[in-house]
Amino acid sequence: MTDTEIFMGVIGLIILLLLASPFFIKRNPTIEMPEEDFQDEKEQVFMQLSELEYDYQMGKLPERDYINTKSELTSKASKYVSHSNEDFIEIERTVDIEIRTVLKKSGVGKEIMYEK
């Protein structure tokens, strides 16, 4: 065996190990979102819900669209609230409170809050 053959063998072994390494690395099955991104997405979902509520109260949305969209957004929002109580009605109440909080902070929808 020459030095060149040994060198090529070592290079080949290194390449083989690099190509095979993904099969030996344990992956974390849960992908964790950085806290900043989590908060941004949470805020975005609740803002969408508050805008939906506002548009519906202003008569810009048909009831059917409002119900379907609110259901979808509530489902998304439920992953951002505590899951100590898995009862959907309780989660929906929490989401409604969050919507009112966002509306109150933004100063939008004061007339909605007074109607209820």
PDB file of N, CA and C in Angstrom:
ATOM      1  N   MET A   1       0.837  -1.178   0.000  1.00  0.00           N
ATOM      2  CA  MET A   1       0.000   0.000   0.000  1.00  0.00           C
ATOM      3  C   MET A   1       0.884   1.245   0.000  1.00  0.00           C
ATOM      4  N   THR A   2       0.500   2.144  -0.841  1.00  0.00           N
ATOM      5  CA  THR A   2       1.266   3.383  -0.925  1.00  0.00           C
ATOM      6  C   THR A   2       0.616   4.439  -0.041  1.00  0.00           C
ATOM      7  N   ASP A   3       1.347   5.504   0.153  1.00  0.00           N
ATOM      8  CA  ASP A   3       0.822   6.607   0.951  1.00  0.00           C
ATOM      9  C   ASP A   3      -0.436   7.194   0.316  1.00  0.00           C
ATOM     10  N   THR A   4      -0.486   7.241  -0.986  1.00  0.00           N
ATOM     11  CA  THR A   4      -1.644   7.787  -1.689  1.00  0.00           C
ATOM     12  C   THR A   4      -2.878   6.927  -1.434  1.00  0.00           C
ATOM     13  N   GLU A   5      -2.708   5.601  -1.464  1.00  0.00           N
ATOM     14  CA  GLU A   5      -3.837   4.707  -1.222  1.00  0.00           C
ATOM     15  C   GLU A   5      -4.355   4.847   0.207  1.00  0.00           C
ATOM     16  N   ILE A   6      -3.437   4.968   1.161  1.00  0.00           N
ATOM     17  CA  ILE A   6      -3.834   5.141   2.561  1.00  0.00           C
ATOM     18  C   ILE A   6      -4.576   6.468   2.727  1.00  0.00           C
ATOM     19  N   PHE A   7      -4.029   7.528   2.130  1.00  0.00           N
ATOM     20  CA  PHE A   7      -4.651   8.850   2.210  1.00  0.00           C
ATOM     21  C   PHE A   7      -6.056   8.820   1.611  1.00  0.00           C
ATOM     22  N   MET A   8      -6.210   8.213   0.457  1.00  0.00           N
ATOM     23  CA  MET A   8      -7.517   8.133  -0.196  1.00  0.00           C
ATOM     24  C   MET A   8      -8.485   7.285   0.639  1.00  0.00           C
ATOM     25  N   GLY A   9      -7.972   6.240   1.284  1.00  0.00           N
ATOM     26  CA  GLY A   9      -8.803   5.409   2.153  1.00  0.00           C
ATOM     27  C   GLY A   9      -9.321   6.196   3.352  1.00  0.00           C
ATOM     28  N   VAL A  10      -8.445   7.003   3.956  1.00  0.00           N
ATOM     29  CA  VAL A  10      -8.834   7.831   5.100  1.00  0.00           C
ATOM     30  C   VAL A  10      -9.872   8.871   4.663  1.00  0.00           C
ATOM     31  N   ILE A  11      -9.635   9.520   3.523  1.00  0.00           N
ATOM     32  CA  ILE A  11     -10.583  10.509   2.997  1.00  0.00           C
ATOM     33  C   ILE A  11     -11.933   9.839   2.728  1.00  0.00           C
ATOM     34  N   GLY A  12     -11.918   8.660   2.125  1.00  0.00           N
ATOM     35  CA  GLY A  12     -13.154   7.924   1.844  1.00  0.00           C
ATOM     36  C   GLY A  12     -13.900   7.575   3.123  1.00  0.00           C
ATOM     37  N   LEU A  13     -13.158   7.167   4.165  1.00  0.00           N
ATOM     38  CA  LEU A  13     -13.768   6.830   5.447  1.00  0.00           C
ATOM     39  C   LEU A  13     -14.403   8.072   6.093  1.00  0.00           C
ATOM     40  N   ILE A  14     -13.717   9.200   6.022  1.00  0.00           N
ATOM     41  CA  ILE A  14     -14.255  10.445   6.576  1.00  0.00           C
ATOM     42  C   ILE A  14     -15.540  10.837   5.848  1.00  0.00           C
ATOM     43  N   ILE A  15     -15.528  10.755   4.526  1.00  0.00           N
ATOM     44  CA  ILE A  15     -16.721  11.092   3.741  1.00  0.00           C
ATOM     45  C   ILE A  15     -17.872  10.154   4.095  1.00  0.00           C
ATOM     46  N   LEU A  16     -17.580   8.870   4.223  1.00  0.00           N
ATOM     47  CA  LEU A  16     -18.599   7.887   4.586  1.00  0.00           C
ATOM     48  C   LEU A  16     -19.203   8.203   5.958  1.00  0.00           C
ATOM     49  N   LEU A  17     -18.357   8.553   6.930  1.00  0.00           N
ATOM     50  CA  LEU A  17     -18.853   8.899   8.261  1.00  0.00           C
ATOM     51  C   LEU A  17     -19.711  10.167   8.232  1.00  0.00           C
ATOM     52  N   LEU A  18     -19.297  11.150   7.448  1.00  0.00           N
ATOM     53  CA  LEU A  18     -20.078  12.381   7.334  1.00  0.00           C
ATOM     54  C   LEU A  18     -21.448  12.119   6.710  1.00  0.00           C
ATOM     55  N   LEU A  19     -21.479  11.271   5.700  1.00  0.00           N
ATOM     56  CA  LEU A  19     -22.748  10.960   5.046  1.00  0.00           C
ATOM     57  C   LEU A  19     -23.668  10.127   5.938  1.00  0.00           C
ATOM     58  N   ALA A  20     -23.091   9.271   6.770  1.00  0.00           N
ATOM     59  CA  ALA A  20     -23.888   8.389   7.619  1.00  0.00           C
ATOM     60  C   ALA A  20     -24.272   9.037   8.949  1.00  0.00           C
ATOM     61  N   SER A  21     -23.626  10.130   9.323  1.00  0.00           N
ATOM     62  CA  SER A  21     -23.859  10.730  10.642  1.00  0.00           C
ATOM     63  C   SER A  21     -25.314  11.124  10.908  1.00  0.00           C
ATOM     64  N   PRO A  22     -26.092  11.608   9.936  1.00  0.00           N
ATOM     65  CA  PRO A  22     -27.490  11.947  10.253  1.00  0.00           C
ATOM     66  C   PRO A  22     -28.310  10.753  10.748  1.00  0.00           C
ATOM     67  N   PHE A  23     -27.914   9.553  10.383  1.00  0.00           N
ATOM     68  CA  PHE A  23     -28.658   8.371  10.813  1.00  0.00           C
ATOM     69  C   PHE A  23     -28.359   7.998  12.260  1.00  0.00           C
ATOM     70  N   PHE A  24     -27.281   8.531  12.814  1.00  0.00           N
ATOM     71  CA  PHE A  24     -26.889   8.190  14.174  1.00  0.00           C
ATOM     72  C   PHE A  24     -27.170   9.298  15.181  1.00  0.00           C
ATOM     73  N   ILE A  25     -27.609  10.446  14.714  1.00  0.00           N
ATOM     74  CA  ILE A  25     -27.887  11.568  15.600  1.00  0.00           C
ATOM     75  C   ILE A  25     -29.342  11.489  16.041  1.00  0.00           C
ATOM     76  N   LYS A  26     -29.556  11.574  17.354  1.00  0.00           N
ATOM     77  CA  LYS A  26     -30.921  11.580  17.879  1.00  0.00           C
ATOM     78  C   LYS A  26     -31.516  12.954  17.640  1.00  0.00           C
ATOM     79  N   ARG A  27     -32.751  12.955  17.182  1.00  0.00           N
ATOM     80  CA  ARG A  27     -33.444  14.214  16.939  1.00  0.00           C
ATOM     81  C   ARG A  27     -34.504  14.418  17.994  1.00  0.00           C
ATOM     82  N   ASN A  28     -34.692  15.654  18.363  1.00  0.00           N
ATOM     83  CA  ASN A  28     -35.735  16.015  19.307  1.00  0.00           C
ATOM     84  C   ASN A  28     -37.063  16.044  18.545  1.00  0.00           C
ATOM     85  N   PRO A  29     -38.013  15.171  18.903  1.00  0.00           N
ATOM     86  CA  PRO A  29     -39.269  15.122  18.152  1.00  0.00           C
ATOM     87  C   PRO A  29     -40.127  16.376  18.306  1.00  0.00           C
ATOM     88  N   THR A  30     -39.941  17.104  19.384  1.00  0.00           N
ATOM     89  CA  THR A  30     -40.710  18.332  19.555  1.00  0.00           C
ATOM     90  C   THR A  30     -39.858  19.514  19.137  1.00  0.00           C
ATOM     91  N   ILE A  31     -40.397  20.283  18.263  1.00  0.00           N
ATOM     92  CA  ILE A  31     -39.689  21.469  17.812  1.00  0.00           C
ATOM     93  C   ILE A  31     -40.133  22.613  18.700  1.00  0.00           C
ATOM     94  N   GLU A  32     -39.177  23.172  19.409  1.00  0.00           N
ATOM     95  CA  GLU A  32     -39.523  24.262  20.307  1.00  0.00           C
ATOM     96  C   GLU A  32     -39.318  25.589  19.614  1.00  0.00           C
ATOM     97  N   MET A  33     -40.286  26.425  19.766  1.00  0.00           N
ATOM     98  CA  MET A  33     -40.276  27.735  19.156  1.00  0.00           C
ATOM     99  C   MET A  33     -39.614  28.705  20.137  1.00  0.00           C
ATOM    100  N   PRO A  34     -38.726  29.567  19.644  1.00  0.00           N
ATOM    101  CA  PRO A  34     -38.175  30.580  20.551  1.00  0.00           C
ATOM    102  C   PRO A  34     -39.303  31.413  21.158  1.00  0.00           C
ATOM    103  N   GLU A  35     -39.115  31.843  22.394  1.00  0.00           N
ATOM    104  CA  GLU A  35     -40.155  32.578  23.125  1.00  0.00           C
ATOM    105  C   GLU A  35     -40.639  33.804  22.359  1.00  0.00           C
ATOM    106  N   GLU A  36     -39.716  34.504  21.704  1.00  0.00           N
ATOM    107  CA  GLU A  36     -40.084  35.688  20.928  1.00  0.00           C
ATOM    108  C   GLU A  36     -41.074  35.335  19.817  1.00  0.00           C
ATOM    109  N   ASP A  37     -40.752  34.280  19.055  1.00  0.00           N
ATOM    110  CA  ASP A  37     -41.632  33.852  17.964  1.00  0.00           C
ATOM    111  C   ASP A  37     -42.980  33.393  18.505  1.00  0.00           C
ATOM    112  N   PHE A  38     -42.941  32.677  19.626  1.00  0.00           N
ATOM    113  CA  PHE A  38     -44.168  32.188  20.249  1.00  0.00           C
ATOM    114  C   PHE A  38     -45.071  33.368  20.608  1.00  0.00           C
ATOM    115  N   GLN A  39     -44.496  34.375  21.247  1.00  0.00           N
ATOM    116  CA  GLN A  39     -45.275  35.551  21.638  1.00  0.00           C
ATOM    117  C   GLN A  39     -45.802  36.307  20.421  1.00  0.00           C
ATOM    118  N   ASP A  40     -44.961  36.421  19.384  1.00  0.00           N
ATOM    119  CA  ASP A  40     -45.392  37.113  18.164  1.00  0.00           C
ATOM    120  C   ASP A  40     -46.574  36.402  17.513  1.00  0.00           C
ATOM    121  N   GLU A  41     -46.469  35.070  17.412  1.00  0.00           N
ATOM    122  CA  GLU A  41     -47.563  34.303  16.802  1.00  0.00           C
ATOM    123  C   GLU A  41     -48.830  34.379  17.653  1.00  0.00           C
ATOM    124  N   LYS A  42     -48.648  34.302  18.970  1.00  0.00           N
ATOM    125  CA  LYS A  42     -49.799  34.397  19.875  1.00  0.00           C
ATOM    126  C   LYS A  42     -50.494  35.742  19.683  1.00  0.00           C
ATOM    127  N   GLU A  43     -49.707  36.803  19.666  1.00  0.00           N
ATOM    128  CA  GLU A  43     -50.277  38.137  19.494  1.00  0.00           C
ATOM    129  C   GLU A  43     -50.983  38.263  18.146  1.00  0.00           C
ATOM    130  N   GLN A  44     -50.388  37.675  17.121  1.00  0.00           N
ATOM    131  CA  GLN A  44     -50.978  37.748  15.781  1.00  0.00           C
ATOM    132  C   GLN A  44     -52.335  37.034  15.737  1.00  0.00           C
ATOM    133  N   VAL A  45     -52.409  35.851  16.326  1.00  0.00           N
ATOM    134  CA  VAL A  45     -53.665  35.090  16.322  1.00  0.00           C
ATOM    135  C   VAL A  45     -54.752  35.844  17.087  1.00  0.00           C
ATOM    136  N   PHE A  46     -54.402  36.381  18.253  1.00  0.00           N
ATOM    137  CA  PHE A  46     -55.404  37.104  19.037  1.00  0.00           C
ATOM    138  C   PHE A  46     -55.807  38.413  18.360  1.00  0.00           C
ATOM    139  N   MET A  47     -54.876  39.039  17.664  1.00  0.00           N
ATOM    140  CA  MET A  47     -55.213  40.257  16.926  1.00  0.00           C
ATOM    141  C   MET A  47     -56.171  39.918  15.779  1.00  0.00           C
ATOM    142  N   GLN A  48     -55.923  38.790  15.099  1.00  0.00           N
ATOM    143  CA  GLN A  48     -56.827  38.361  14.025  1.00  0.00           C
ATOM    144  C   GLN A  48     -58.224  38.099  14.582  1.00  0.00           C
ATOM    145  N   LEU A  49     -58.270  37.477  15.754  1.00  0.00           N
ATOM    146  CA  LEU A  49     -59.568  37.224  16.382  1.00  0.00           C
ATOM    147  C   LEU A  49     -60.277  38.529  16.737  1.00  0.00           C
ATOM    148  N   SER A  50     -59.533  39.482  17.256  1.00  0.00           N
ATOM    149  CA  SER A  50     -60.177  40.750  17.627  1.00  0.00           C
ATOM    150  C   SER A  50     -60.645  41.509  16.389  1.00  0.00           C
ATOM    151  N   GLU A  51     -59.855  41.472  15.320  1.00  0.00           N
ATOM    152  CA  GLU A  51     -60.272  42.121  14.074  1.00  0.00           C
ATOM    153  C   GLU A  51     -61.501  41.436  13.482  1.00  0.00           C
ATOM    154  N   LEU A  52     -61.526  40.108  13.580  1.00  0.00           N
ATOM    155  CA  LEU A  52     -62.684  39.356  13.106  1.00  0.00           C
ATOM    156  C   LEU A  52     -63.936  39.770  13.876  1.00  0.00           C
ATOM    157  N   GLU A  53     -63.807  39.844  15.191  1.00  0.00           N
ATOM    158  CA  GLU A  53     -64.935  40.238  16.040  1.00  0.00           C
ATOM    159  C   GLU A  53     -65.404  41.649  15.679  1.00  0.00           C
ATOM    160  N   TYR A  54     -64.462  42.544  15.499  1.00  0.00           N
ATOM    161  CA  TYR A  54     -64.791  43.927  15.155  1.00  0.00           C
ATOM    162  C   TYR A  54     -65.509  43.996  13.804  1.00  0.00           C
ATOM    163  N   ASP A  55     -64.955  43.301  12.802  1.00  0.00           N
ATOM    164  CA  ASP A  55     -65.571  43.308  11.470  1.00  0.00           C
ATOM    165  C   ASP A  55     -66.983  42.731  11.502  1.00  0.00           C
ATOM    166  N   TYR A  56     -67.175  41.678  12.291  1.00  0.00           N
ATOM    167  CA  TYR A  56     -68.502  41.073  12.390  1.00  0.00           C
ATOM    168  C   TYR A  56     -69.483  42.042  13.058  1.00  0.00           C
ATOM    169  N   GLN A  57     -69.042  42.671  14.149  1.00  0.00           N
ATOM    170  CA  GLN A  57     -69.915  43.612  14.858  1.00  0.00           C
ATOM    171  C   GLN A  57     -70.262  44.824  13.995  1.00  0.00           C
ATOM    172  N   MET A  58     -69.368  45.181  13.083  1.00  0.00           N
ATOM    173  CA  MET A  58     -69.611  46.326  12.199  1.00  0.00           C
ATOM    174  C   MET A  58     -70.436  45.931  10.975  1.00  0.00           C
ATOM    175  N   GLY A  59     -70.778  44.639  10.859  1.00  0.00           N
ATOM    176  CA  GLY A  59     -71.607  44.173   9.756  1.00  0.00           C
ATOM    177  C   GLY A  59     -70.843  43.925   8.465  1.00  0.00           C
ATOM    178  N   LYS A  60     -69.528  43.812   8.555  1.00  0.00           N
ATOM    179  CA  LYS A  60     -68.712  43.600   7.357  1.00  0.00           C
ATOM    180  C   LYS A  60     -68.597  42.123   6.980  1.00  0.00           C
ATOM    181  N   LEU A  61     -68.989  41.233   7.887  1.00  0.00           N
ATOM    182  CA  LEU A  61     -68.868  39.793   7.652  1.00  0.00           C
ATOM    183  C   LEU A  61     -70.210  39.103   7.820  1.00  0.00           C
ATOM    184  N   PRO A  62     -70.524  38.162   6.931  1.00  0.00           N
ATOM    185  CA  PRO A  62     -71.728  37.350   7.141  1.00  0.00           C
ATOM    186  C   PRO A  62     -71.521  36.429   8.354  1.00  0.00           C
ATOM    187  N   GLU A  63     -72.590  36.089   9.028  1.00  0.00           N
ATOM    188  CA  GLU A  63     -72.497  35.269  10.238  1.00  0.00           C
ATOM    189  C   GLU A  63     -71.808  33.931   9.973  1.00  0.00           C
ATOM    190  N   ARG A  64     -72.104  33.326   8.836  1.00  0.00           N
ATOM    191  CA  ARG A  64     -71.520  32.019   8.504  1.00  0.00           C
ATOM    192  C   ARG A  64     -69.991  32.102   8.416  1.00  0.00           C
ATOM    193  N   ASP A  65     -69.492  33.128   7.725  1.00  0.00           N
ATOM    194  CA  ASP A  65     -68.041  33.312   7.617  1.00  0.00           C
ATOM    195  C   ASP A  65     -67.425  33.601   8.981  1.00  0.00           C
ATOM    196  N   TYR A  66     -68.116  34.407   9.769  1.00  0.00           N
ATOM    197  CA  TYR A  66     -67.645  34.754  11.107  1.00  0.00           C
ATOM    198  C   TYR A  66     -67.492  33.495  11.961  1.00  0.00           C
ATOM    199  N   ILE A  67     -68.513  32.652  11.961  1.00  0.00           N
ATOM    200  CA  ILE A  67     -68.492  31.440  12.785  1.00  0.00           C
ATOM    201  C   ILE A  67     -67.374  30.504  12.339  1.00  0.00           C
ATOM    202  N   ASN A  68     -67.245  30.280  11.028  1.00  0.00           N
ATOM    203  CA  ASN A  68     -66.200  29.388  10.520  1.00  0.00           C
ATOM    204  C   ASN A  68     -64.805  29.912  10.840  1.00  0.00           C
ATOM    205  N   THR A  69     -64.587  31.191  10.574  1.00  0.00           N
ATOM    206  CA  THR A  69     -63.268  31.772  10.804  1.00  0.00           C
ATOM    207  C   THR A  69     -62.946  31.821  12.290  1.00  0.00           C
ATOM    208  N   LYS A  70     -63.926  32.165  13.114  1.00  0.00           N
ATOM    209  CA  LYS A  70     -63.687  32.214  14.558  1.00  0.00           C
ATOM    210  C   LYS A  70     -63.341  30.834  15.089  1.00  0.00           C
ATOM    211  N   SER A  71     -64.002  29.822  14.565  1.00  0.00           N
ATOM    212  CA  SER A  71     -63.708  28.456  14.984  1.00  0.00           C
ATOM    213  C   SER A  71     -62.263  28.087  14.653  1.00  0.00           C
ATOM    214  N   GLU A  72     -61.824  28.413  13.435  1.00  0.00           N
ATOM    215  CA  GLU A  72     -60.443  28.120  13.028  1.00  0.00           C
ATOM    216  C   GLU A  72     -59.435  28.873  13.893  1.00  0.00           C
ATOM    217  N   LEU A  73     -59.681  30.162  14.076  1.00  0.00           N
ATOM    218  CA  LEU A  73     -58.744  30.975  14.857  1.00  0.00           C
ATOM    219  C   LEU A  73     -58.753  30.590  16.337  1.00  0.00           C
ATOM    220  N   THR A  74     -59.916  30.213  16.858  1.00  0.00           N
ATOM    221  CA  THR A  74     -59.993  29.774  18.251  1.00  0.00           C
ATOM    222  C   THR A  74     -59.199  28.495  18.441  1.00  0.00           C
ATOM    223  N   SER A  75     -59.268  27.626  17.457  1.00  0.00           N
ATOM    224  CA  SER A  75     -58.486  26.396  17.511  1.00  0.00           C
ATOM    225  C   SER A  75     -56.991  26.714  17.542  1.00  0.00           C
ATOM    226  N   LYS A  76     -56.559  27.655  16.704  1.00  0.00           N
ATOM    227  CA  LYS A  76     -55.149  28.071  16.710  1.00  0.00           C
ATOM    228  C   LYS A  76     -54.785  28.716  18.042  1.00  0.00           C
ATOM    229  N   ALA A  77     -55.672  29.562  18.547  1.00  0.00           N
ATOM    230  CA  ALA A  77     -55.397  30.295  19.782  1.00  0.00           C
ATOM    231  C   ALA A  77     -55.340  29.369  20.992  1.00  0.00           C
ATOM    232  N   SER A  78     -56.043  28.254  20.918  1.00  0.00           N
ATOM    233  CA  SER A  78     -56.091  27.351  22.068  1.00  0.00           C
ATOM    234  C   SER A  78     -54.722  26.787  22.418  1.00  0.00           C
ATOM    235  N   LYS A  79     -53.809  26.733  21.448  1.00  0.00           N
ATOM    236  CA  LYS A  79     -52.472  26.210  21.773  1.00  0.00           C
ATOM    237  C   LYS A  79     -51.636  27.222  22.549  1.00  0.00           C
ATOM    238  N   TYR A  80     -52.112  28.467  22.625  1.00  0.00           N
ATOM    239  CA  TYR A  80     -51.374  29.498  23.340  1.00  0.00           C
ATOM    240  C   TYR A  80     -51.889  29.744  24.751  1.00  0.00           C
ATOM    241  N   VAL A  81     -52.957  29.088  25.128  1.00  0.00           N
ATOM    242  CA  VAL A  81     -53.486  29.259  26.479  1.00  0.00           C
ATOM    243  C   VAL A  81     -53.191  28.005  27.282  1.00  0.00           C
ATOM    244  N   SER A  82     -53.238  28.126  28.581  1.00  0.00           N
ATOM    245  CA  SER A  82     -52.942  27.008  29.467  1.00  0.00           C
ATOM    246  C   SER A  82     -53.901  25.850  29.191  1.00  0.00           C
ATOM    247  N   HIS A  83     -53.352  24.651  29.176  1.00  0.00           N
ATOM    248  CA  HIS A  83     -54.177  23.475  28.904  1.00  0.00           C
ATOM    249  C   HIS A  83     -54.509  22.715  30.185  1.00  0.00           C
ATOM    250  N   SER A  84     -54.584  23.416  31.303  1.00  0.00           N
ATOM    251  CA  SER A  84     -54.940  22.744  32.545  1.00  0.00           C
ATOM    252  C   SER A  84     -56.380  22.242  32.487  1.00  0.00           C
ATOM    253  N   ASN A  85     -57.220  22.936  31.745  1.00  0.00           N
ATOM    254  CA  ASN A  85     -58.605  22.510  31.562  1.00  0.00           C
ATOM    255  C   ASN A  85     -58.833  22.336  30.067  1.00  0.00           C
ATOM    256  N   GLU A  86     -58.984  21.101  29.619  1.00  0.00           N
ATOM    257  CA  GLU A  86     -59.101  20.818  28.194  1.00  0.00           C
ATOM    258  C   GLU A  86     -60.496  21.111  27.641  1.00  0.00           C
ATOM    259  N   ASP A  87     -61.374  21.578  28.481  1.00  0.00           N
ATOM    260  CA  ASP A  87     -62.729  21.867  28.049  1.00  0.00           C
ATOM    261  C   ASP A  87     -62.724  23.001  27.023  1.00  0.00           C
ATOM    262  N   PHE A  88     -63.224  22.734  25.836  1.00  0.00           N
ATOM    263  CA  PHE A  88     -63.202  23.706  24.740  1.00  0.00           C
ATOM    264  C   PHE A  88     -63.961  24.983  25.083  1.00  0.00           C
ATOM    265  N   ILE A  89     -65.050  24.860  25.796  1.00  0.00           N
ATOM    266  CA  ILE A  89     -65.838  26.040  26.160  1.00  0.00           C
ATOM    267  C   ILE A  89     -65.013  26.971  27.035  1.00  0.00           C
ATOM    268  N   GLU A  90     -64.273  26.395  27.969  1.00  0.00           N
ATOM    269  CA  GLU A  90     -63.419  27.206  28.839  1.00  0.00           C
ATOM    270  C   GLU A  90     -62.316  27.886  28.031  1.00  0.00           C
ATOM    271  N   ILE A  91     -61.750  27.164  27.078  1.00  0.00           N
ATOM    272  CA  ILE A  91     -60.717  27.745  26.220  1.00  0.00           C
ATOM    273  C   ILE A  91     -61.306  28.886  25.399  1.00  0.00           C
ATOM    274  N   GLU A  92     -62.506  28.685  24.881  1.00  0.00           N
ATOM    275  CA  GLU A  92     -63.153  29.730  24.089  1.00  0.00           C
ATOM    276  C   GLU A  92     -63.413  30.981  24.936  1.00  0.00           C
ATOM    277  N   ARG A  93     -63.802  30.785  26.189  1.00  0.00           N
ATOM    278  CA  ARG A  93     -64.005  31.934  27.086  1.00  0.00           C
ATOM    279  C   ARG A  93     -62.693  32.689  27.297  1.00  0.00           C
ATOM    280  N   THR A  94     -61.627  31.935  27.496  1.00  0.00           N
ATOM    281  CA  THR A  94     -60.315  32.553  27.684  1.00  0.00           C
ATOM    282  C   THR A  94     -59.911  33.336  26.448  1.00  0.00           C
ATOM    283  N   VAL A  95     -60.164  32.758  25.288  1.00  0.00           N
ATOM    284  CA  VAL A  95     -59.851  33.446  24.032  1.00  0.00           C
ATOM    285  C   VAL A  95     -60.671  34.727  23.915  1.00  0.00           C
ATOM    286  N   ASP A  96     -61.951  34.674  24.269  1.00  0.00           N
ATOM    287  CA  ASP A  96     -62.797  35.871  24.216  1.00  0.00           C
ATOM    288  C   ASP A  96     -62.268  36.963  25.148  1.00  0.00           C
ATOM    289  N   ILE A  97     -61.798  36.574  26.318  1.00  0.00           N
ATOM    290  CA  ILE A  97     -61.217  37.545  27.251  1.00  0.00           C
ATOM    291  C   ILE A  97     -59.970  38.174  26.640  1.00  0.00           C
ATOM    292  N   GLU A  98     -59.134  37.337  26.002  1.00  0.00           N
ATOM    293  CA  GLU A  98     -57.930  37.855  25.340  1.00  0.00           C
ATOM    294  C   GLU A  98     -58.309  38.834  24.231  1.00  0.00           C
ATOM    295  N   ILE A  99     -59.355  38.515  23.489  1.00  0.00           N
ATOM    296  CA  ILE A  99     -59.805  39.404  22.407  1.00  0.00           C
ATOM    297  C   ILE A  99     -60.210  40.751  22.990  1.00  0.00           C
ATOM    298  N   ARG A 100     -61.009  40.716  24.055  1.00  0.00           N
ATOM    299  CA  ARG A 100     -61.443  41.971  24.676  1.00  0.00           C
ATOM    300  C   ARG A 100     -60.255  42.777  25.189  1.00  0.00           C
ATOM    301  N   THR A 101     -59.260  42.072  25.744  1.00  0.00           N
ATOM    302  CA  THR A 101     -58.062  42.748  26.246  1.00  0.00           C
ATOM    303  C   THR A 101     -57.326  43.449  25.117  1.00  0.00           C
ATOM    304  N   VAL A 102     -57.159  42.748  23.992  1.00  0.00           N
ATOM    305  CA  VAL A 102     -56.476  43.342  22.840  1.00  0.00           C
ATOM    306  C   VAL A 102     -57.269  44.527  22.312  1.00  0.00           C
ATOM    307  N   LEU A 103     -58.583  44.378  22.220  1.00  0.00           N
ATOM    308  CA  LEU A 103     -59.426  45.483  21.751  1.00  0.00           C
ATOM    309  C   LEU A 103     -59.318  46.690  22.683  1.00  0.00           C
ATOM    310  N   LYS A 104     -59.310  46.415  23.974  1.00  0.00           N
ATOM    311  CA  LYS A 104     -59.235  47.495  24.951  1.00  0.00           C
ATOM    312  C   LYS A 104     -57.889  48.213  24.857  1.00  0.00           C
ATOM    313  N   LYS A 105     -56.800  47.438  24.726  1.00  0.00           N
ATOM    314  CA  LYS A 105     -55.464  48.030  24.625  1.00  0.00           C
ATOM    315  C   LYS A 105     -55.317  48.874  23.368  1.00  0.00           C
ATOM    316  N   SER A 106     -55.896  48.401  22.279  1.00  0.00           N
ATOM    317  CA  SER A 106     -55.746  49.112  21.012  1.00  0.00           C
ATOM    318  C   SER A 106     -56.729  50.270  20.880  1.00  0.00           C
ATOM    319  N   GLY A 107     -57.706  50.330  21.776  1.00  0.00           N
ATOM    320  CA  GLY A 107     -58.695  51.403  21.715  1.00  0.00           C
ATOM    321  C   GLY A 107     -59.730  51.191  20.629  1.00  0.00           C
ATOM    322  N   VAL A 108     -59.675  50.032  19.986  1.00  0.00           N
ATOM    323  CA  VAL A 108     -60.620  49.710  18.919  1.00  0.00           C
ATOM    324  C   VAL A 108     -61.758  48.914  19.529  1.00  0.00           C
ATOM    325  N   GLY A 109     -62.942  49.161  19.053  1.00  0.00           N
ATOM    326  CA  GLY A 109     -64.070  48.334  19.457  1.00  0.00           C
ATOM    327  C   GLY A 109     -64.690  48.719  20.779  1.00  0.00           C
ATOM    328  N   LYS A 110     -64.516  49.971  21.213  1.00  0.00           N
ATOM    329  CA  LYS A 110     -65.145  50.390  22.466  1.00  0.00           C
ATOM    330  C   LYS A 110     -66.654  50.239  22.384  1.00  0.00           C
ATOM    331  N   GLU A 111     -67.191  50.514  21.199  1.00  0.00           N
ATOM    332  CA  GLU A 111     -68.642  50.391  21.033  1.00  0.00           C
ATOM    333  C   GLU A 111     -69.088  48.939  21.147  1.00  0.00           C
ATOM    334  N   ILE A 112     -68.213  48.004  20.813  1.00  0.00           N
ATOM    335  CA  ILE A 112     -68.546  46.577  20.929  1.00  0.00           C
ATOM    336  C   ILE A 112     -68.660  46.203  22.397  1.00  0.00           C
ATOM    337  N   MET A 113     -67.697  46.676  23.196  1.00  0.00           N
ATOM    338  CA  MET A 113     -67.699  46.324  24.611  1.00  0.00           C
ATOM    339  C   MET A 113     -68.905  46.932  25.319  1.00  0.00           C
ATOM    340  N   TYR A 114     -69.349  48.104  24.889  1.00  0.00           N
ATOM    341  CA  TYR A 114     -70.498  48.732  25.527  1.00  0.00           C
ATOM    342  C   TYR A 114     -71.806  48.046  25.153  1.00  0.00           C
ATOM    343  N   GLU A 115     -71.835  47.392  23.988  1.00  0.00           N
ATOM    344  CA  GLU A 115     -73.053  46.713  23.546  1.00  0.00           C
ATOM    345  C   GLU A 115     -73.345  45.484  24.381  1.00  0.00           C
ATOM    346  N   LYS A 116     -72.310  44.857  24.916  1.00  0.00           N
ATOM    347  CA  LYS A 116     -72.498  43.590  25.644  1.00  0.00           C
ATOM    348  C   LYS A 116     -72.755  43.790  27.104  1.00  0.00           C
TER     349      LYS A 116
END
